[in-house]
Amino acid sequence: MSYAYRQRKKRTTREQRHAATRQTDALSPWLGEKLTRRHYNQMRLADQREERMRKQAAILSKWRSRFGV
């Protein structure tokens, strides 16, 4: 890997981190406190998990109704 490539890679990850922080700052007025990036990520992961569970439940209920279980 070239030096320039590594530097470019570092810069993009740094910018992404800043973007994540900016998003949390945008959310913070509603939450009444400044979120750390970790808390924000945990919330996001929990939301994704809920979404997956909801989709699975919908699929299961569809098949149950189809086969009358």
PDB file of N, CA and C in Angstrom:
ATOM      1  N   MET A   1       0.852  -1.197   0.000  1.00  0.00           N
ATOM      2  CA  MET A   1       0.000   0.000   0.000  1.00  0.00           C
ATOM      3  C   MET A   1       0.886   1.244   0.000  1.00  0.00           C
ATOM      4  N   SER A   2       0.499   2.171  -0.817  1.00  0.00           N
ATOM      5  CA  SER A   2       1.305   3.390  -0.894  1.00  0.00           C
ATOM      6  C   SER A   2       0.995   4.304   0.287  1.00  0.00           C
ATOM      7  N   TYR A   3       1.921   5.203   0.532  1.00  0.00           N
ATOM      8  CA  TYR A   3       1.765   6.146   1.638  1.00  0.00           C
ATOM      9  C   TYR A   3       0.535   7.026   1.417  1.00  0.00           C
ATOM     10  N   ALA A   4       0.370   7.502   0.186  1.00  0.00           N
ATOM     11  CA  ALA A   4      -0.761   8.392  -0.119  1.00  0.00           C
ATOM     12  C   ALA A   4      -2.091   7.674   0.114  1.00  0.00           C
ATOM     13  N   TYR A   5      -2.143   6.406  -0.267  1.00  0.00           N
ATOM     14  CA  TYR A   5      -3.374   5.640  -0.083  1.00  0.00           C
ATOM     15  C   TYR A   5      -3.730   5.532   1.396  1.00  0.00           C
ATOM     16  N   ARG A   6      -2.715   5.216   2.217  1.00  0.00           N
ATOM     17  CA  ARG A   6      -2.973   5.101   3.660  1.00  0.00           C
ATOM     18  C   ARG A   6      -3.470   6.418   4.233  1.00  0.00           C
ATOM     19  N   GLN A   7      -2.831   7.521   3.820  1.00  0.00           N
ATOM     20  CA  GLN A   7      -3.253   8.830   4.324  1.00  0.00           C
ATOM     21  C   GLN A   7      -4.694   9.123   3.910  1.00  0.00           C
ATOM     22  N   ARG A   8      -5.016   8.793   2.659  1.00  0.00           N
ATOM     23  CA  ARG A   8      -6.364   9.054   2.160  1.00  0.00           C
ATOM     24  C   ARG A   8      -7.377   8.236   2.955  1.00  0.00           C
ATOM     25  N   LYS A   9      -7.010   6.983   3.231  1.00  0.00           N
ATOM     26  CA  LYS A   9      -7.890   6.107   3.991  1.00  0.00           C
ATOM     27  C   LYS A   9      -8.124   6.670   5.391  1.00  0.00           C
ATOM     28  N   LYS A  10      -7.050   7.113   6.040  1.00  0.00           N
ATOM     29  CA  LYS A  10      -7.176   7.710   7.372  1.00  0.00           C
ATOM     30  C   LYS A  10      -8.106   8.907   7.340  1.00  0.00           C
ATOM     31  N   ARG A  11      -7.929   9.744   6.306  1.00  0.00           N
ATOM     32  CA  ARG A  11      -8.717  10.969   6.244  1.00  0.00           C
ATOM     33  C   ARG A  11     -10.199  10.642   6.109  1.00  0.00           C
ATOM     34  N   THR A  12     -10.544   9.672   5.269  1.00  0.00           N
ATOM     35  CA  THR A  12     -11.962   9.372   5.087  1.00  0.00           C
ATOM     36  C   THR A  12     -12.564   8.843   6.385  1.00  0.00           C
ATOM     37  N   THR A  13     -11.834   7.970   7.096  1.00  0.00           N
ATOM     38  CA  THR A  13     -12.401   7.455   8.343  1.00  0.00           C
ATOM     39  C   THR A  13     -12.570   8.588   9.347  1.00  0.00           C
ATOM     40  N   ARG A  14     -11.609   9.521   9.382  1.00  0.00           N
ATOM     41  CA  ARG A  14     -11.713  10.639  10.307  1.00  0.00           C
ATOM     42  C   ARG A  14     -12.943  11.479   9.964  1.00  0.00           C
ATOM     43  N   GLU A  15     -13.155  11.711   8.666  1.00  0.00           N
ATOM     44  CA  GLU A  15     -14.320  12.497   8.259  1.00  0.00           C
ATOM     45  C   GLU A  15     -15.615  11.778   8.614  1.00  0.00           C
ATOM     46  N   GLN A  16     -15.632  10.471   8.453  1.00  0.00           N
ATOM     47  CA  GLN A  16     -16.831   9.717   8.813  1.00  0.00           C
ATOM     48  C   GLN A  16     -17.101   9.820  10.309  1.00  0.00           C
ATOM     49  N   ARG A  17     -16.032   9.753  11.113  1.00  0.00           N
ATOM     50  CA  ARG A  17     -16.218   9.887  12.561  1.00  0.00           C
ATOM     51  C   ARG A  17     -16.809  11.247  12.895  1.00  0.00           C
ATOM     52  N   HIS A  18     -16.281  12.296  12.247  1.00  0.00           N
ATOM     53  CA  HIS A  18     -16.808  13.635  12.509  1.00  0.00           C
ATOM     54  C   HIS A  18     -18.267  13.725  12.090  1.00  0.00           C
ATOM     55  N   ALA A  19     -18.590  13.099  10.973  1.00  0.00           N
ATOM     56  CA  ALA A  19     -19.975  13.124  10.505  1.00  0.00           C
ATOM     57  C   ALA A  19     -20.882  12.460  11.535  1.00  0.00           C
ATOM     58  N   ALA A  20     -20.432  11.341  12.109  1.00  0.00           N
ATOM     59  CA  ALA A  20     -21.223  10.648  13.126  1.00  0.00           C
ATOM     60  C   ALA A  20     -21.425  11.551  14.335  1.00  0.00           C
ATOM     61  N   THR A  21     -20.371  12.282  14.716  1.00  0.00           N
ATOM     62  CA  THR A  21     -20.479  13.177  15.867  1.00  0.00           C
ATOM     63  C   THR A  21     -21.467  14.293  15.571  1.00  0.00           C
ATOM     64  N   ARG A  22     -21.414  14.810  14.348  1.00  0.00           N
ATOM     65  CA  ARG A  22     -22.347  15.874  13.980  1.00  0.00           C
ATOM     66  C   ARG A  22     -23.781  15.384  14.048  1.00  0.00           C
ATOM     67  N   GLN A  23     -24.012  14.145  13.622  1.00  0.00           N
ATOM     68  CA  GLN A  23     -25.363  13.596  13.698  1.00  0.00           C
ATOM     69  C   GLN A  23     -25.831  13.516  15.148  1.00  0.00           C
ATOM     70  N   THR A  24     -24.943  13.093  16.040  1.00  0.00           N
ATOM     71  CA  THR A  24     -25.350  12.989  17.441  1.00  0.00           C
ATOM     72  C   THR A  24     -25.636  14.373  17.999  1.00  0.00           C
ATOM     73  N   ASP A  25     -24.843  15.379  17.581  1.00  0.00           N
ATOM     74  CA  ASP A  25     -25.096  16.733  18.058  1.00  0.00           C
ATOM     75  C   ASP A  25     -26.453  17.216  17.579  1.00  0.00           C
ATOM     76  N   ALA A  26     -26.830  16.809  16.370  1.00  0.00           N
ATOM     77  CA  ALA A  26     -28.132  17.207  15.843  1.00  0.00           C
ATOM     78  C   ALA A  26     -29.249  16.547  16.642  1.00  0.00           C
ATOM     79  N   LEU A  27     -28.997  15.332  17.141  1.00  0.00           N
ATOM     80  CA  LEU A  27     -30.020  14.619  17.901  1.00  0.00           C
ATOM     81  C   LEU A  27     -30.127  15.109  19.339  1.00  0.00           C
ATOM     82  N   SER A  28     -29.013  15.634  19.868  1.00  0.00           N
ATOM     83  CA  SER A  28     -28.932  15.857  21.307  1.00  0.00           C
ATOM     84  C   SER A  28     -29.996  16.791  21.900  1.00  0.00           C
ATOM     85  N   PRO A  29     -30.483  17.826  21.199  1.00  0.00           N
ATOM     86  CA  PRO A  29     -31.501  18.673  21.835  1.00  0.00           C
ATOM     87  C   PRO A  29     -32.727  17.880  22.275  1.00  0.00           C
ATOM     88  N   TRP A  30     -33.121  16.873  21.495  1.00  0.00           N
ATOM     89  CA  TRP A  30     -34.294  16.088  21.869  1.00  0.00           C
ATOM     90  C   TRP A  30     -33.996  15.204  23.065  1.00  0.00           C
ATOM     91  N   LEU A  31     -32.770  14.751  23.150  1.00  0.00           N
ATOM     92  CA  LEU A  31     -32.432  13.808  24.206  1.00  0.00           C
ATOM     93  C   LEU A  31     -32.015  14.519  25.482  1.00  0.00           C
ATOM     94  N   GLY A  32     -31.791  15.816  25.385  1.00  0.00           N
ATOM     95  CA  GLY A  32     -31.476  16.597  26.568  1.00  0.00           C
ATOM     96  C   GLY A  32     -30.064  16.403  27.071  1.00  0.00           C
ATOM     97  N   GLU A  33     -29.224  15.736  26.318  1.00  0.00           N
ATOM     98  CA  GLU A  33     -27.840  15.557  26.753  1.00  0.00           C
ATOM     99  C   GLU A  33     -26.978  15.269  25.533  1.00  0.00           C
ATOM    100  N   LYS A  34     -25.711  15.521  25.695  1.00  0.00           N
ATOM    101  CA  LYS A  34     -24.811  15.276  24.569  1.00  0.00           C
ATOM    102  C   LYS A  34     -24.459  13.793  24.552  1.00  0.00           C
ATOM    103  N   LEU A  35     -24.749  13.164  23.450  1.00  0.00           N
ATOM    104  CA  LEU A  35     -24.471  11.736  23.336  1.00  0.00           C
ATOM    105  C   LEU A  35     -23.015  11.515  22.955  1.00  0.00           C
ATOM    106  N   THR A  36     -22.440  10.495  23.518  1.00  0.00           N
ATOM    107  CA  THR A  36     -21.131  10.089  23.014  1.00  0.00           C
ATOM    108  C   THR A  36     -21.370   9.237  21.774  1.00  0.00           C
ATOM    109  N   ARG A  37     -20.354   9.089  20.985  1.00  0.00           N
ATOM    110  CA  ARG A  37     -20.498   8.305  19.754  1.00  0.00           C
ATOM    111  C   ARG A  37     -20.901   6.873  20.086  1.00  0.00           C
ATOM    112  N   ARG A  38     -20.366   6.345  21.204  1.00  0.00           N
ATOM    113  CA  ARG A  38     -20.675   4.958  21.553  1.00  0.00           C
ATOM    114  C   ARG A  38     -22.161   4.795  21.860  1.00  0.00           C
ATOM    115  N   HIS A  39     -22.714   5.745  22.625  1.00  0.00           N
ATOM    116  CA  HIS A  39     -24.135   5.663  22.944  1.00  0.00           C
ATOM    117  C   HIS A  39     -24.971   5.745  21.682  1.00  0.00           C
ATOM    118  N   TYR A  40     -24.563   6.656  20.782  1.00  0.00           N
ATOM    119  CA  TYR A  40     -25.310   6.801  19.536  1.00  0.00           C
ATOM    120  C   TYR A  40     -25.283   5.491  18.753  1.00  0.00           C
ATOM    121  N   ASN A  41     -24.090   4.875  18.676  1.00  0.00           N
ATOM    122  CA  ASN A  41     -23.966   3.621  17.937  1.00  0.00           C
ATOM    123  C   ASN A  41     -24.797   2.523  18.582  1.00  0.00           C
ATOM    124  N   GLN A  42     -24.817   2.487  19.915  1.00  0.00           N
ATOM    125  CA  GLN A  42     -25.615   1.470  20.603  1.00  0.00           C
ATOM    126  C   GLN A  42     -27.098   1.644  20.283  1.00  0.00           C
ATOM    127  N   MET A  43     -27.547   2.904  20.292  1.00  0.00           N
ATOM    128  CA  MET A  43     -28.949   3.165  19.961  1.00  0.00           C
ATOM    129  C   MET A  43     -29.260   2.698  18.543  1.00  0.00           C
ATOM    130  N   ARG A  44     -28.341   3.026  17.620  1.00  0.00           N
ATOM    131  CA  ARG A  44     -28.557   2.667  16.226  1.00  0.00           C
ATOM    132  C   ARG A  44     -28.610   1.150  16.062  1.00  0.00           C
ATOM    133  N   LEU A  45     -27.705   0.444  16.753  1.00  0.00           N
ATOM    134  CA  LEU A  45     -27.694  -1.013  16.671  1.00  0.00           C
ATOM    135  C   LEU A  45     -28.991  -1.593  17.229  1.00  0.00           C
ATOM    136  N   ALA A  46     -29.462  -1.023  18.330  1.00  0.00           N
ATOM    137  CA  ALA A  46     -30.708  -1.501  18.923  1.00  0.00           C
ATOM    138  C   ALA A  46     -31.862  -1.303  17.943  1.00  0.00           C
ATOM    139  N   ASP A  47     -31.880  -0.152  17.262  1.00  0.00           N
ATOM    140  CA  ASP A  47     -32.930   0.107  16.274  1.00  0.00           C
ATOM    141  C   ASP A  47     -32.879  -0.916  15.146  1.00  0.00           C
ATOM    142  N   GLN A  48     -31.669  -1.192  14.671  1.00  0.00           N
ATOM    143  CA  GLN A  48     -31.526  -2.173  13.589  1.00  0.00           C
ATOM    144  C   GLN A  48     -32.005  -3.545  14.040  1.00  0.00           C
ATOM    145  N   ARG A  49     -31.659  -3.911  15.298  1.00  0.00           N
ATOM    146  CA  ARG A  49     -32.071  -5.209  15.828  1.00  0.00           C
ATOM    147  C   ARG A  49     -33.599  -5.289  15.874  1.00  0.00           C
ATOM    148  N   GLU A  50     -34.228  -4.220  16.381  1.00  0.00           N
ATOM    149  CA  GLU A  50     -35.690  -4.201  16.449  1.00  0.00           C
ATOM    150  C   GLU A  50     -36.295  -4.362  15.064  1.00  0.00           C
ATOM    151  N   GLU A  51     -35.719  -3.659  14.103  1.00  0.00           N
ATOM    152  CA  GLU A  51     -36.224  -3.713  12.730  1.00  0.00           C
ATOM    153  C   GLU A  51     -36.153  -5.146  12.196  1.00  0.00           C
ATOM    154  N   ARG A  52     -35.021  -5.814  12.432  1.00  0.00           N
ATOM    155  CA  ARG A  52     -34.865  -7.199  11.977  1.00  0.00           C
ATOM    156  C   ARG A  52     -35.898  -8.110  12.626  1.00  0.00           C
ATOM    157  N   MET A  53     -36.087  -7.938  13.942  1.00  0.00           N
ATOM    158  CA  MET A  53     -37.054  -8.766  14.663  1.00  0.00           C
ATOM    159  C   MET A  53     -38.455  -8.547  14.096  1.00  0.00           C
ATOM    160  N   ARG A  54     -38.794  -7.284  13.826  1.00  0.00           N
ATOM    161  CA  ARG A  54     -40.113  -6.965  13.296  1.00  0.00           C
ATOM    162  C   ARG A  54     -40.323  -7.656  11.947  1.00  0.00           C
ATOM    163  N   LYS A  55     -39.301  -7.584  11.084  1.00  0.00           N
ATOM    164  CA  LYS A  55     -39.415  -8.221   9.764  1.00  0.00           C
ATOM    165  C   LYS A  55     -39.601  -9.725   9.909  1.00  0.00           C
ATOM    166  N   GLN A  56     -38.805 -10.341  10.803  1.00  0.00           N
ATOM    167  CA  GLN A  56     -38.915 -11.787  11.009  1.00  0.00           C
ATOM    168  C   GLN A  56     -40.303 -12.157  11.508  1.00  0.00           C
ATOM    169  N   ALA A  57     -40.820 -11.361  12.443  1.00  0.00           N
ATOM    170  CA  ALA A  57     -42.136 -11.644  13.005  1.00  0.00           C
ATOM    171  C   ALA A  57     -43.202 -11.551  11.917  1.00  0.00           C
ATOM    172  N   ALA A  58     -43.064 -10.563  11.033  1.00  0.00           N
ATOM    173  CA  ALA A  58     -44.030 -10.402   9.948  1.00  0.00           C
ATOM    174  C   ALA A  58     -44.002 -11.620   9.027  1.00  0.00           C
ATOM    175  N   ILE A  59     -42.796 -12.078   8.696  1.00  0.00           N
ATOM    176  CA  ILE A  59     -42.665 -13.247   7.819  1.00  0.00           C
ATOM    177  C   ILE A  59     -43.272 -14.477   8.489  1.00  0.00           C
ATOM    178  N   LEU A  60     -42.951 -14.654   9.785  1.00  0.00           N
ATOM    179  CA  LEU A  60     -43.479 -15.809  10.510  1.00  0.00           C
ATOM    180  C   LEU A  60     -44.997 -15.787  10.544  1.00  0.00           C
ATOM    181  N   SER A  61     -45.578 -14.632  10.839  1.00  0.00           N
ATOM    182  CA  SER A  61     -47.032 -14.562  10.944  1.00  0.00           C
ATOM    183  C   SER A  61     -47.670 -14.835   9.585  1.00  0.00           C
ATOM    184  N   LYS A  62     -47.012 -14.388   8.511  1.00  0.00           N
ATOM    185  CA  LYS A  62     -47.538 -14.646   7.173  1.00  0.00           C
ATOM    186  C   LYS A  62     -47.604 -16.151   6.917  1.00  0.00           C
ATOM    187  N   TRP A  63     -46.498 -16.862   7.234  1.00  0.00           N
ATOM    188  CA  TRP A  63     -46.477 -18.301   6.990  1.00  0.00           C
ATOM    189  C   TRP A  63     -47.446 -19.031   7.906  1.00  0.00           C
ATOM    190  N   ARG A  64     -47.548 -18.552   9.156  1.00  0.00           N
ATOM    191  CA  ARG A  64     -48.481 -19.200  10.089  1.00  0.00           C
ATOM    192  C   ARG A  64     -49.911 -19.084   9.573  1.00  0.00           C
ATOM    193  N   SER A  65     -50.250 -17.887   9.092  1.00  0.00           N
ATOM    194  CA  SER A  65     -51.619 -17.698   8.612  1.00  0.00           C
ATOM    195  C   SER A  65     -51.855 -18.538   7.355  1.00  0.00           C
ATOM    196  N   ARG A  66     -50.812 -18.696   6.546  1.00  0.00           N
ATOM    197  CA  ARG A  66     -50.955 -19.464   5.312  1.00  0.00           C
ATOM    198  C   ARG A  66     -51.189 -20.943   5.608  1.00  0.00           C
ATOM    199  N   PHE A  67     -50.500 -21.466   6.632  1.00  0.00           N
ATOM    200  CA  PHE A  67     -50.613 -22.889   6.921  1.00  0.00           C
ATOM    201  C   PHE A  67     -51.531 -23.174   8.099  1.00  0.00           C
ATOM    202  N   GLY A  68     -52.100 -22.143   8.681  1.00  0.00           N
ATOM    203  CA  GLY A  68     -53.046 -22.329   9.767  1.00  0.00           C
ATOM    204  C   GLY A  68     -52.451 -22.987  10.990  1.00  0.00           C
ATOM    205  N   VAL A  69     -51.228 -22.600  11.342  1.00  0.00           N
ATOM    206  CA  VAL A  69     -50.582 -23.191  12.524  1.00  0.00           C
ATOM    207  C   VAL A  69     -51.162 -22.548  13.769  1.00  0.00           C
TER     208      VAL A  69
END
